[in-house]
């Protein structure tokens, strides 16, 4: 397996960097990190066909995605749905026609789950309701790709894995305030308050919503474990920690780690998003032998260490 060629889309993104690092550090010697859209546009079928003939991979790990936080999802529903559908459909169909692929690894999103899903989220509940409205287009696009792989497995015996990770964080996360997810967005807010000697920080929502957060290298571990595991099929597999935290508790933890002593105020005119998120990870433990290694506080410390270093260099 270590001599097989693994093509990783979205390899220069947040998760992609961690996946490539993890594969190489675990002895996979032929990892092809696919450049971004300026080099290969996965929304164009002909370009996808060409890149497969050019690189001739044995495995494809599909990470490329158009993503963002609540604000970005709310402002770009059509773009997020179209680009994620187009990239995934083109890549899956080209890989099917290519005919020499040993496995396609699809990485989805917790946004695929219905807005009101019993906690912890079980894979059998994925279709039992409509996703949370602000990120529904993104979640539905990813869930459609999941079902496409299941259908291709039934009709063409196309070998694939569907991983459904929870919210991730860690080094190389997106710290753009216009599109960042919750942890980098909160770090930026707190740092702005520290730099400006502000006595309070204003956060979106009520703080009552809960989230589960997965350190990015733990997700990379699960992806590596799924690549050549022969007992896996196309059915979805949750990847997370199985632990949740209220957003209000998260921001207080970040304030403690960053040394901020001001007040937290809540802008309740802004959405909370999905009320709760916490995954049942028993299937990934059983089938992958997966076990998360980094707890939230330690992961946040590692993320802050990276971010402080990055901030001082730019």
C-alpha atoms as a PDB file:
ATOM      1  CA  UNK A   1       0.000   0.000   0.000  1.00  0.00           C
ATOM      2  CA  UNK A   2       2.751   2.474   0.885  1.00  0.00           C
ATOM      3  CA  UNK A   3       3.981   2.344  -2.737  1.00  0.00           C
ATOM      4  CA  UNK A   4       0.552   3.182  -4.183  1.00  0.00           C
ATOM      5  CA  UNK A   5      -0.105   6.683  -5.472  1.00  0.00           C
ATOM      6  CA  UNK A   6      -2.579   8.785  -3.473  1.00  0.00           C
ATOM      7  CA  UNK A   7      -4.054  11.898  -5.083  1.00  0.00           C
ATOM      8  CA  UNK A   8      -5.327  14.447  -2.553  1.00  0.00           C
ATOM      9  CA  UNK A   9      -7.609  17.224  -3.797  1.00  0.00           C
ATOM     10  CA  UNK A  10      -7.660  20.392  -1.727  1.00  0.00           C
ATOM     11  CA  UNK A  11      -4.181  19.443  -0.530  1.00  0.00           C
ATOM     12  CA  UNK A  12      -3.099  23.009   0.157  1.00  0.00           C
ATOM     13  CA  UNK A  13      -6.097  23.753   2.337  1.00  0.00           C
ATOM     14  CA  UNK A  14      -6.502  23.436   6.080  1.00  0.00           C
ATOM     15  CA  UNK A  15      -7.362  19.721   6.198  1.00  0.00           C
ATOM     16  CA  UNK A  16      -5.327  18.891   3.102  1.00  0.00           C
ATOM     17  CA  UNK A  17      -2.043  19.971   4.690  1.00  0.00           C
ATOM     18  CA  UNK A  18      -2.732  17.765   7.719  1.00  0.00           C
ATOM     19  CA  UNK A  19      -3.704  14.768   5.567  1.00  0.00           C
ATOM     20  CA  UNK A  20      -0.583  14.992   3.400  1.00  0.00           C
ATOM     21  CA  UNK A  21       1.633  15.432   6.476  1.00  0.00           C
ATOM     22  CA  UNK A  22       0.005  12.458   8.186  1.00  0.00           C
ATOM     23  CA  UNK A  23       0.297  10.190   5.134  1.00  0.00           C
ATOM     24  CA  UNK A  24       3.953  11.039   4.527  1.00  0.00           C
ATOM     25  CA  UNK A  25       4.888  10.685   8.193  1.00  0.00           C
ATOM     26  CA  UNK A  26       3.271   7.225   8.199  1.00  0.00           C
ATOM     27  CA  UNK A  27       5.321   5.916   5.301  1.00  0.00           C
ATOM     28  CA  UNK A  28       3.184   6.706   2.254  1.00  0.00           C
ATOM     29  CA  UNK A  29       5.854   7.670  -0.242  1.00  0.00           C
ATOM     30  CA  UNK A  30       3.812   8.679  -3.306  1.00  0.00           C
ATOM     31  CA  UNK A  31       1.367  11.383  -2.232  1.00  0.00           C
ATOM     32  CA  UNK A  32       0.252  13.784  -4.971  1.00  0.00           C
ATOM     33  CA  UNK A  33      -0.993  17.070  -3.445  1.00  0.00           C
ATOM     34  CA  UNK A  34      -3.316  18.651  -5.999  1.00  0.00           C
ATOM     35  CA  UNK A  35      -2.930  22.395  -6.377  1.00  0.00           C
ATOM     36  CA  UNK A  36      -5.812  24.806  -6.029  1.00  0.00           C
ATOM     37  CA  UNK A  37      -8.388  26.013  -8.556  1.00  0.00           C
ATOM     38  CA  UNK A  38      -5.877  28.244 -10.374  1.00  0.00           C
ATOM     39  CA  UNK A  39      -4.085  25.065 -11.489  1.00  0.00           C
ATOM     40  CA  UNK A  40      -6.869  22.454 -11.675  1.00  0.00           C
ATOM     41  CA  UNK A  41     -10.526  23.487 -11.864  1.00  0.00           C
ATOM     42  CA  UNK A  42     -12.520  20.487 -10.653  1.00  0.00           C
ATOM     43  CA  UNK A  43     -15.774  22.122 -11.786  1.00  0.00           C
ATOM     44  CA  UNK A  44     -14.618  21.387 -15.376  1.00  0.00           C
ATOM     45  CA  UNK A  45     -15.075  17.739 -16.381  1.00  0.00           C
ATOM     46  CA  UNK A  46     -12.386  17.785 -19.077  1.00  0.00           C
ATOM     47  CA  UNK A  47      -9.793  19.059 -16.616  1.00  0.00           C
ATOM     48  CA  UNK A  48     -10.683  16.292 -14.164  1.00  0.00           C
ATOM     49  CA  UNK A  49     -10.369  13.654 -16.895  1.00  0.00           C
ATOM     50  CA  UNK A  50      -6.990  15.048 -17.841  1.00  0.00           C
ATOM     51  CA  UNK A  51      -5.582  15.175 -14.317  1.00  0.00           C
ATOM     52  CA  UNK A  52      -6.421  11.487 -13.771  1.00  0.00           C
ATOM     53  CA  UNK A  53      -4.639  10.517 -16.992  1.00  0.00           C
ATOM     54  CA  UNK A  54      -1.747  12.761 -15.993  1.00  0.00           C
ATOM     55  CA  UNK A  55      -1.235  11.470 -12.432  1.00  0.00           C
ATOM     56  CA  UNK A  56      -2.743   7.951 -12.681  1.00  0.00           C
ATOM     57  CA  UNK A  57      -3.588   7.576  -8.979  1.00  0.00           C
ATOM     58  CA  UNK A  58      -4.400   4.353  -7.142  1.00  0.00           C
ATOM     59  CA  UNK A  59      -6.429   6.215  -4.510  1.00  0.00           C
ATOM     60  CA  UNK A  60      -8.196   9.589  -4.469  1.00  0.00           C
ATOM     61  CA  UNK A  61      -8.924  11.511  -1.266  1.00  0.00           C
ATOM     62  CA  UNK A  62     -11.415  14.284  -2.078  1.00  0.00           C
ATOM     63  CA  UNK A  63     -11.007  17.275   0.251  1.00  0.00           C
ATOM     64  CA  UNK A  64     -11.447  20.215  -2.131  1.00  0.00           C
ATOM     65  CA  UNK A  65     -14.513  22.208  -1.112  1.00  0.00           C
ATOM     66  CA  UNK A  66     -16.061  25.641  -1.062  1.00  0.00           C
ATOM     67  CA  UNK A  67     -16.521  26.213   2.681  1.00  0.00           C
ATOM     68  CA  UNK A  68     -17.082  28.916   5.288  1.00  0.00           C
ATOM     69  CA  UNK A  69     -18.789  29.781   8.546  1.00  0.00           C
ATOM     70  CA  UNK A  70     -22.426  30.735   9.144  1.00  0.00           C
ATOM     71  CA  UNK A  71     -22.056  34.155   7.498  1.00  0.00           C
ATOM     72  CA  UNK A  72     -20.358  32.832   4.359  1.00  0.00           C
ATOM     73  CA  UNK A  73     -22.905  30.021   4.026  1.00  0.00           C
ATOM     74  CA  UNK A  74     -25.790  32.441   4.416  1.00  0.00           C
ATOM     75  CA  UNK A  75     -24.403  34.857   1.808  1.00  0.00           C
ATOM     76  CA  UNK A  76     -23.410  32.265  -0.823  1.00  0.00           C
ATOM     77  CA  UNK A  77     -25.949  29.399  -0.861  1.00  0.00           C
ATOM     78  CA  UNK A  78     -25.960  28.985  -4.629  1.00  0.00           C
ATOM     79  CA  UNK A  79     -22.195  29.193  -5.042  1.00  0.00           C
ATOM     80  CA  UNK A  80     -21.542  26.771  -2.184  1.00  0.00           C
ATOM     81  CA  UNK A  81     -24.052  24.245  -3.493  1.00  0.00           C
ATOM     82  CA  UNK A  82     -22.995  24.466  -7.139  1.00  0.00           C
ATOM     83  CA  UNK A  83     -19.218  24.303  -6.668  1.00  0.00           C
ATOM     84  CA  UNK A  84     -19.309  21.469  -4.144  1.00  0.00           C
ATOM     85  CA  UNK A  85     -21.710  19.454  -6.293  1.00  0.00           C
ATOM     86  CA  UNK A  86     -19.803  20.124  -9.509  1.00  0.00           C
ATOM     87  CA  UNK A  87     -16.384  19.241  -8.088  1.00  0.00           C
ATOM     88  CA  UNK A  88     -17.611  16.041  -6.485  1.00  0.00           C
ATOM     89  CA  UNK A  89     -19.766  14.812  -9.367  1.00  0.00           C
ATOM     90  CA  UNK A  90     -17.024  15.452 -11.936  1.00  0.00           C
ATOM     91  CA  UNK A  91     -14.369  13.738  -9.865  1.00  0.00           C
ATOM     92  CA  UNK A  92     -16.494  10.697  -9.020  1.00  0.00           C
ATOM     93  CA  UNK A  93     -17.608  10.176 -12.619  1.00  0.00           C
ATOM     94  CA  UNK A  94     -14.083  10.652 -13.988  1.00  0.00           C
ATOM     95  CA  UNK A  95     -12.733   8.179 -11.441  1.00  0.00           C
ATOM     96  CA  UNK A  96     -15.416   5.675 -12.460  1.00  0.00           C
ATOM     97  CA  UNK A  97     -14.497   6.019 -16.145  1.00  0.00           C
ATOM     98  CA  UNK A  98     -10.793   5.883 -15.291  1.00  0.00           C
ATOM     99  CA  UNK A  99     -11.428   2.349 -14.065  1.00  0.00           C
ATOM    100  CA  UNK A 100      -8.133   1.732 -12.273  1.00  0.00           C
ATOM    101  CA  UNK A 101      -8.897   3.363  -8.938  1.00  0.00           C
ATOM    102  CA  UNK A 102      -8.666   1.126  -5.876  1.00  0.00           C
ATOM    103  CA  UNK A 103     -10.737   3.454  -3.664  1.00  0.00           C
ATOM    104  CA  UNK A 104     -12.313   6.917  -3.565  1.00  0.00           C
ATOM    105  CA  UNK A 105     -12.372   8.559  -0.136  1.00  0.00           C
ATOM    106  CA  UNK A 106     -15.098  11.186   0.204  1.00  0.00           C
ATOM    107  CA  UNK A 107     -14.898  13.606   3.125  1.00  0.00           C
ATOM    108  CA  UNK A 108     -18.297  15.135   3.855  1.00  0.00           C
ATOM    109  CA  UNK A 109     -19.517  17.351   6.674  1.00  0.00           C
ATOM    110  CA  UNK A 110     -21.577  17.304   9.844  1.00  0.00           C
ATOM    111  CA  UNK A 111     -23.774  19.900   8.066  1.00  0.00           C
ATOM    112  CA  UNK A 112     -25.348  16.954   6.246  1.00  0.00           C
ATOM    113  CA  UNK A 113     -27.346  16.061   9.369  1.00  0.00           C
ATOM    114  CA  UNK A 114     -30.901  17.318   9.959  1.00  0.00           C
ATOM    115  CA  UNK A 115     -31.262  20.453  12.073  1.00  0.00           C
ATOM    116  CA  UNK A 116     -32.971  18.517  14.865  1.00  0.00           C
ATOM    117  CA  UNK A 117     -31.117  15.229  15.151  1.00  0.00           C
ATOM    118  CA  UNK A 118     -31.101  13.170  18.366  1.00  0.00           C
ATOM    119  CA  UNK A 119     -27.763  13.604  20.148  1.00  0.00           C
ATOM    120  CA  UNK A 120     -25.357  11.947  19.632  1.00  0.00           C
ATOM    121  CA  UNK A 121     -25.845  11.987  15.850  1.00  0.00           C
ATOM    122  CA  UNK A 122     -26.004   8.490  14.417  1.00  0.00           C
ATOM    123  CA  UNK A 123     -25.314   7.789  10.736  1.00  0.00           C
ATOM    124  CA  UNK A 124     -28.753   6.173  10.356  1.00  0.00           C
ATOM    125  CA  UNK A 125     -30.379   9.571  11.033  1.00  0.00           C
ATOM    126  CA  UNK A 126     -28.776  11.429   8.120  1.00  0.00           C
ATOM    127  CA  UNK A 127     -31.978  11.510   6.059  1.00  0.00           C
ATOM    128  CA  UNK A 128     -34.451  11.991   8.927  1.00  0.00           C
ATOM    129  CA  UNK A 129     -35.067  15.708   8.352  1.00  0.00           C
ATOM    130  CA  UNK A 130     -33.830  18.893   6.683  1.00  0.00           C
ATOM    131  CA  UNK A 131     -30.412  20.395   7.558  1.00  0.00           C
ATOM    132  CA  UNK A 132     -30.007  23.642   9.491  1.00  0.00           C
ATOM    133  CA  UNK A 133     -31.093  26.398   7.109  1.00  0.00           C
ATOM    134  CA  UNK A 134     -27.973  28.576   7.034  1.00  0.00           C
ATOM    135  CA  UNK A 135     -25.715  25.762   5.830  1.00  0.00           C
ATOM    136  CA  UNK A 136     -28.288  23.513   4.137  1.00  0.00           C
ATOM    137  CA  UNK A 137     -27.045  24.083   0.540  1.00  0.00           C
ATOM    138  CA  UNK A 138     -23.513  23.030   1.499  1.00  0.00           C
ATOM    139  CA  UNK A 139     -24.734  20.086   3.563  1.00  0.00           C
ATOM    140  CA  UNK A 140     -27.158  18.877   0.887  1.00  0.00           C
ATOM    141  CA  UNK A 141     -24.432  19.066  -1.764  1.00  0.00           C
ATOM    142  CA  UNK A 142     -22.138  16.879   0.328  1.00  0.00           C
ATOM    143  CA  UNK A 143     -24.948  14.470   1.201  1.00  0.00           C
ATOM    144  CA  UNK A 144     -25.858  14.161  -2.475  1.00  0.00           C
ATOM    145  CA  UNK A 145     -22.268  13.154  -3.238  1.00  0.00           C
ATOM    146  CA  UNK A 146     -22.438  10.602  -0.444  1.00  0.00           C
ATOM    147  CA  UNK A 147     -25.533   9.062  -2.024  1.00  0.00           C
ATOM    148  CA  UNK A 148     -23.932   9.180  -5.473  1.00  0.00           C
ATOM    149  CA  UNK A 149     -21.070   7.038  -4.183  1.00  0.00           C
ATOM    150  CA  UNK A 150     -23.520   4.580  -2.639  1.00  0.00           C
ATOM    151  CA  UNK A 151     -25.372   4.390  -5.984  1.00  0.00           C
ATOM    152  CA  UNK A 152     -22.106   3.925  -7.922  1.00  0.00           C
ATOM    153  CA  UNK A 153     -21.113   1.163  -5.558  1.00  0.00           C
ATOM    154  CA  UNK A 154     -24.401  -0.642  -6.244  1.00  0.00           C
ATOM    155  CA  UNK A 155     -24.382  -0.173 -10.022  1.00  0.00           C
ATOM    156  CA  UNK A 156     -20.676  -0.161 -10.904  1.00  0.00           C
ATOM    157  CA  UNK A 157     -19.061  -1.765  -7.841  1.00  0.00           C
ATOM    158  CA  UNK A 158     -17.196   1.519  -7.384  1.00  0.00           C
ATOM    159  CA  UNK A 159     -15.094   1.229  -4.217  1.00  0.00           C
ATOM    160  CA  UNK A 160     -15.539   4.246  -1.957  1.00  0.00           C
ATOM    161  CA  UNK A 161     -15.679   5.437   1.639  1.00  0.00           C
ATOM    162  CA  UNK A 162     -17.908   8.228   3.002  1.00  0.00           C
ATOM    163  CA  UNK A 163     -16.474   9.984   6.062  1.00  0.00           C
ATOM    164  CA  UNK A 164     -18.590  12.558   7.930  1.00  0.00           C
ATOM    165  CA  UNK A 165     -16.364  14.707  10.163  1.00  0.00           C
ATOM    166  CA  UNK A 166     -17.562  17.184  12.747  1.00  0.00           C
ATOM    167  CA  UNK A 167     -16.318  20.817  12.931  1.00  0.00           C
ATOM    168  CA  UNK A 168     -12.512  20.889  12.699  1.00  0.00           C
ATOM    169  CA  UNK A 169      -9.864  23.293  13.979  1.00  0.00           C
ATOM    170  CA  UNK A 170      -6.091  23.421  14.234  1.00  0.00           C
ATOM    171  CA  UNK A 171      -2.961  24.793  12.496  1.00  0.00           C
ATOM    172  CA  UNK A 172      -3.512  26.395   9.063  1.00  0.00           C
ATOM    173  CA  UNK A 173      -7.190  27.020   9.790  1.00  0.00           C
ATOM    174  CA  UNK A 174      -8.906  29.858   7.917  1.00  0.00           C
ATOM    175  CA  UNK A 175      -8.517  33.105   9.872  1.00  0.00           C
ATOM    176  CA  UNK A 176     -10.246  35.304   7.285  1.00  0.00           C
ATOM    177  CA  UNK A 177     -12.957  37.142   9.297  1.00  0.00           C
ATOM    178  CA  UNK A 178     -15.309  37.032   6.291  1.00  0.00           C
ATOM    179  CA  UNK A 179     -15.351  33.236   5.995  1.00  0.00           C
ATOM    180  CA  UNK A 180     -13.803  31.657   9.108  1.00  0.00           C
ATOM    181  CA  UNK A 181     -15.469  28.985  11.231  1.00  0.00           C
ATOM    182  CA  UNK A 182     -16.276  29.438  14.891  1.00  0.00           C
ATOM    183  CA  UNK A 183     -12.915  28.804  16.607  1.00  0.00           C
ATOM    184  CA  UNK A 184     -10.746  31.061  14.409  1.00  0.00           C
ATOM    185  CA  UNK A 185     -13.544  33.645  14.351  1.00  0.00           C
ATOM    186  CA  UNK A 186     -13.615  33.738  18.161  1.00  0.00           C
ATOM    187  CA  UNK A 187      -9.816  33.882  18.370  1.00  0.00           C
ATOM    188  CA  UNK A 188      -9.846  36.909  16.052  1.00  0.00           C
ATOM    189  CA  UNK A 189     -12.552  38.638  18.099  1.00  0.00           C
ATOM    190  CA  UNK A 190     -10.688  38.096  21.352  1.00  0.00           C
ATOM    191  CA  UNK A 191      -7.366  39.223  19.874  1.00  0.00           C
ATOM    192  CA  UNK A 192      -9.008  42.358  18.485  1.00  0.00           C
ATOM    193  CA  UNK A 193     -10.347  43.142  21.956  1.00  0.00           C
ATOM    194  CA  UNK A 194      -6.919  42.562  23.504  1.00  0.00           C
ATOM    195  CA  UNK A 195      -5.165  44.750  20.911  1.00  0.00           C
ATOM    196  CA  UNK A 196      -7.756  47.497  21.271  1.00  0.00           C
ATOM    197  CA  UNK A 197      -7.973  47.345  25.087  1.00  0.00           C
ATOM    198  CA  UNK A 198     -11.714  46.740  24.761  1.00  0.00           C
ATOM    199  CA  UNK A 199     -13.669  45.780  27.853  1.00  0.00           C
ATOM    200  CA  UNK A 200     -16.049  43.426  26.025  1.00  0.00           C
ATOM    201  CA  UNK A 201     -16.360  41.051  23.082  1.00  0.00           C
ATOM    202  CA  UNK A 202     -19.599  40.725  21.080  1.00  0.00           C
ATOM    203  CA  UNK A 203     -20.376  37.232  19.783  1.00  0.00           C
ATOM    204  CA  UNK A 204     -23.105  35.935  17.481  1.00  0.00           C
ATOM    205  CA  UNK A 205     -26.178  34.169  18.841  1.00  0.00           C
ATOM    206  CA  UNK A 206     -27.042  33.249  22.407  1.00  0.00           C
ATOM    207  CA  UNK A 207     -24.043  31.086  23.322  1.00  0.00           C
ATOM    208  CA  UNK A 208     -26.411  28.222  24.169  1.00  0.00           C
ATOM    209  CA  UNK A 209     -25.738  26.195  21.019  1.00  0.00           C
ATOM    210  CA  UNK A 210     -23.275  23.356  21.469  1.00  0.00           C
ATOM    211  CA  UNK A 211     -20.626  22.053  19.112  1.00  0.00           C
ATOM    212  CA  UNK A 212     -18.176  19.195  18.927  1.00  0.00           C
ATOM    213  CA  UNK A 213     -14.698  20.133  17.729  1.00  0.00           C
ATOM    214  CA  UNK A 214     -12.171  17.802  16.113  1.00  0.00           C
ATOM    215  CA  UNK A 215      -8.452  18.547  15.957  1.00  0.00           C
ATOM    216  CA  UNK A 216      -7.501  18.459  12.279  1.00  0.00           C
ATOM    217  CA  UNK A 217      -4.741  15.860  12.682  1.00  0.00           C
ATOM    218  CA  UNK A 218      -7.217  13.485  14.325  1.00  0.00           C
ATOM    219  CA  UNK A 219      -9.380  13.751  11.200  1.00  0.00           C
ATOM    220  CA  UNK A 220      -6.283  13.116   9.083  1.00  0.00           C
ATOM    221  CA  UNK A 221      -5.680   9.939  11.095  1.00  0.00           C
ATOM    222  CA  UNK A 222      -9.201   8.689  10.296  1.00  0.00           C
ATOM    223  CA  UNK A 223      -8.738   9.421   6.593  1.00  0.00           C
ATOM    224  CA  UNK A 224      -5.460   7.481   6.531  1.00  0.00           C
ATOM    225  CA  UNK A 225      -7.092   4.531   8.305  1.00  0.00           C
ATOM    226  CA  UNK A 226      -9.904   4.458   5.733  1.00  0.00           C
ATOM    227  CA  UNK A 227      -7.773   4.343   2.594  1.00  0.00           C
ATOM    228  CA  UNK A 228      -7.018   0.632   2.350  1.00  0.00           C
ATOM    229  CA  UNK A 229      -9.334  -0.861   4.976  1.00  0.00           C
ATOM    230  CA  UNK A 230     -11.019  -3.652   3.040  1.00  0.00           C
ATOM    231  CA  UNK A 231     -13.981  -4.076   5.398  1.00  0.00           C
ATOM    232  CA  UNK A 232     -15.351  -0.614   4.635  1.00  0.00           C
ATOM    233  CA  UNK A 233     -18.206   0.041   2.227  1.00  0.00           C
ATOM    234  CA  UNK A 234     -19.813   3.222   0.950  1.00  0.00           C
ATOM    235  CA  UNK A 235     -22.059   3.751   3.977  1.00  0.00           C
ATOM    236  CA  UNK A 236     -21.276   6.921   5.984  1.00  0.00           C
ATOM    237  CA  UNK A 237     -18.892   6.873   8.951  1.00  0.00           C
ATOM    238  CA  UNK A 238     -18.831   9.651  11.553  1.00  0.00           C
ATOM    239  CA  UNK A 239     -15.467  11.107  12.570  1.00  0.00           C
ATOM    240  CA  UNK A 240     -15.297  13.165  15.742  1.00  0.00           C
ATOM    241  CA  UNK A 241     -14.597  13.043  19.467  1.00  0.00           C
ATOM    242  CA  UNK A 242     -18.035  12.217  20.870  1.00  0.00           C
ATOM    243  CA  UNK A 243     -17.850  15.259  23.193  1.00  0.00           C
ATOM    244  CA  UNK A 244     -19.622  18.607  22.918  1.00  0.00           C
ATOM    245  CA  UNK A 245     -19.191  22.053  24.452  1.00  0.00           C
ATOM    246  CA  UNK A 246     -21.497  25.083  24.580  1.00  0.00           C
ATOM    247  CA  UNK A 247     -20.276  28.035  22.535  1.00  0.00           C
ATOM    248  CA  UNK A 248     -20.421  30.179  25.697  1.00  0.00           C
ATOM    249  CA  UNK A 249     -18.088  27.739  27.474  1.00  0.00           C
ATOM    250  CA  UNK A 250     -15.806  27.607  24.445  1.00  0.00           C
ATOM    251  CA  UNK A 251     -15.301  31.364  24.365  1.00  0.00           C
ATOM    252  CA  UNK A 252     -14.585  31.469  28.100  1.00  0.00           C
ATOM    253  CA  UNK A 253     -11.977  28.735  27.606  1.00  0.00           C
ATOM    254  CA  UNK A 254     -10.392  30.718  24.776  1.00  0.00           C
ATOM    255  CA  UNK A 255     -10.408  33.890  26.883  1.00  0.00           C
ATOM    256  CA  UNK A 256      -8.583  32.025  29.646  1.00  0.00           C
ATOM    257  CA  UNK A 257      -6.002  30.621  27.221  1.00  0.00           C
ATOM    258  CA  UNK A 258      -5.450  34.032  25.584  1.00  0.00           C
ATOM    259  CA  UNK A 259      -5.423  35.997  28.843  1.00  0.00           C
ATOM    260  CA  UNK A 260      -8.461  38.177  28.117  1.00  0.00           C
ATOM    261  CA  UNK A 261     -10.386  39.400  31.182  1.00  0.00           C
ATOM    262  CA  UNK A 262     -13.214  41.394  29.566  1.00  0.00           C
ATOM    263  CA  UNK A 263     -16.935  40.688  29.337  1.00  0.00           C
ATOM    264  CA  UNK A 264     -18.748  38.545  26.769  1.00  0.00           C
ATOM    265  CA  UNK A 265     -21.837  40.057  25.155  1.00  0.00           C
ATOM    266  CA  UNK A 266     -24.222  38.179  22.837  1.00  0.00           C
ATOM    267  CA  UNK A 267     -25.838  39.570  19.695  1.00  0.00           C
ATOM    268  CA  UNK A 268     -29.051  37.541  19.709  1.00  0.00           C
ATOM    269  CA  UNK A 269     -30.131  39.041  16.367  1.00  0.00           C
ATOM    270  CA  UNK A 270     -27.554  36.732  14.767  1.00  0.00           C
ATOM    271  CA  UNK A 271     -28.237  33.004  14.261  1.00  0.00           C
ATOM    272  CA  UNK A 272     -26.995  30.227  16.534  1.00  0.00           C
ATOM    273  CA  UNK A 273     -27.005  27.704  13.704  1.00  0.00           C
ATOM    274  CA  UNK A 274     -27.828  24.113  14.587  1.00  0.00           C
ATOM    275  CA  UNK A 275     -28.841  23.844  18.286  1.00  0.00           C
ATOM    276  CA  UNK A 276     -26.531  20.918  19.125  1.00  0.00           C
ATOM    277  CA  UNK A 277     -23.846  18.891  17.398  1.00  0.00           C
ATOM    278  CA  UNK A 278     -22.247  15.782  18.806  1.00  0.00           C
ATOM    279  CA  UNK A 279     -21.480  12.594  16.890  1.00  0.00           C
ATOM    280  CA  UNK A 280     -21.800   8.938  17.733  1.00  0.00           C
ATOM    281  CA  UNK A 281     -18.320   7.703  16.735  1.00  0.00           C
ATOM    282  CA  UNK A 282     -18.815   4.032  17.618  1.00  0.00           C
ATOM    283  CA  UNK A 283     -18.826   3.016  13.933  1.00  0.00           C
ATOM    284  CA  UNK A 284     -15.463   4.689  13.216  1.00  0.00           C
ATOM    285  CA  UNK A 285     -13.949   3.112  16.319  1.00  0.00           C
ATOM    286  CA  UNK A 286     -15.238  -0.319  15.323  1.00  0.00           C
ATOM    287  CA  UNK A 287     -14.488  -0.229  11.599  1.00  0.00           C
ATOM    288  CA  UNK A 288     -11.423   2.014  11.441  1.00  0.00           C
ATOM    289  CA  UNK A 289      -9.797   1.370  14.786  1.00  0.00           C
ATOM    290  CA  UNK A 290     -10.012   5.162  15.104  1.00  0.00           C
ATOM    291  CA  UNK A 291      -9.418   6.933  18.405  1.00  0.00           C
ATOM    292  CA  UNK A 292      -9.073  10.750  18.735  1.00  0.00           C
ATOM    293  CA  UNK A 293      -5.768  11.707  20.330  1.00  0.00           C
ATOM    294  CA  UNK A 294      -6.065  15.424  21.163  1.00  0.00           C
ATOM    295  CA  UNK A 295      -8.534  16.867  23.688  1.00  0.00           C
ATOM    296  CA  UNK A 296     -10.061  20.291  23.095  1.00  0.00           C
ATOM    297  CA  UNK A 297      -7.926  22.336  25.485  1.00  0.00           C
ATOM    298  CA  UNK A 298      -4.663  20.857  24.216  1.00  0.00           C
ATOM    299  CA  UNK A 299      -5.811  21.285  20.622  1.00  0.00           C
ATOM    300  CA  UNK A 300      -6.674  24.934  21.236  1.00  0.00           C
ATOM    301  CA  UNK A 301      -3.236  25.506  22.766  1.00  0.00           C
ATOM    302  CA  UNK A 302      -1.584  23.987  19.670  1.00  0.00           C
ATOM    303  CA  UNK A 303      -3.796  26.098  17.410  1.00  0.00           C
ATOM    304  CA  UNK A 304      -2.960  29.296  19.300  1.00  0.00           C
ATOM    305  CA  UNK A 305       0.749  28.501  19.238  1.00  0.00           C
ATOM    306  CA  UNK A 306       0.599  28.134  15.451  1.00  0.00           C
ATOM    307  CA  UNK A 307      -1.535  31.254  15.023  1.00  0.00           C
ATOM    308  CA  UNK A 308       0.682  33.457  17.198  1.00  0.00           C
ATOM    309  CA  UNK A 309       3.680  32.344  15.179  1.00  0.00           C
ATOM    310  CA  UNK A 310       1.873  32.913  11.870  1.00  0.00           C
ATOM    311  CA  UNK A 311       0.635  36.343  13.004  1.00  0.00           C
ATOM    312  CA  UNK A 312       4.126  37.442  13.963  1.00  0.00           C
ATOM    313  CA  UNK A 313       5.493  36.449  10.565  1.00  0.00           C
ATOM    314  CA  UNK A 314       2.992  38.310   8.375  1.00  0.00           C
END
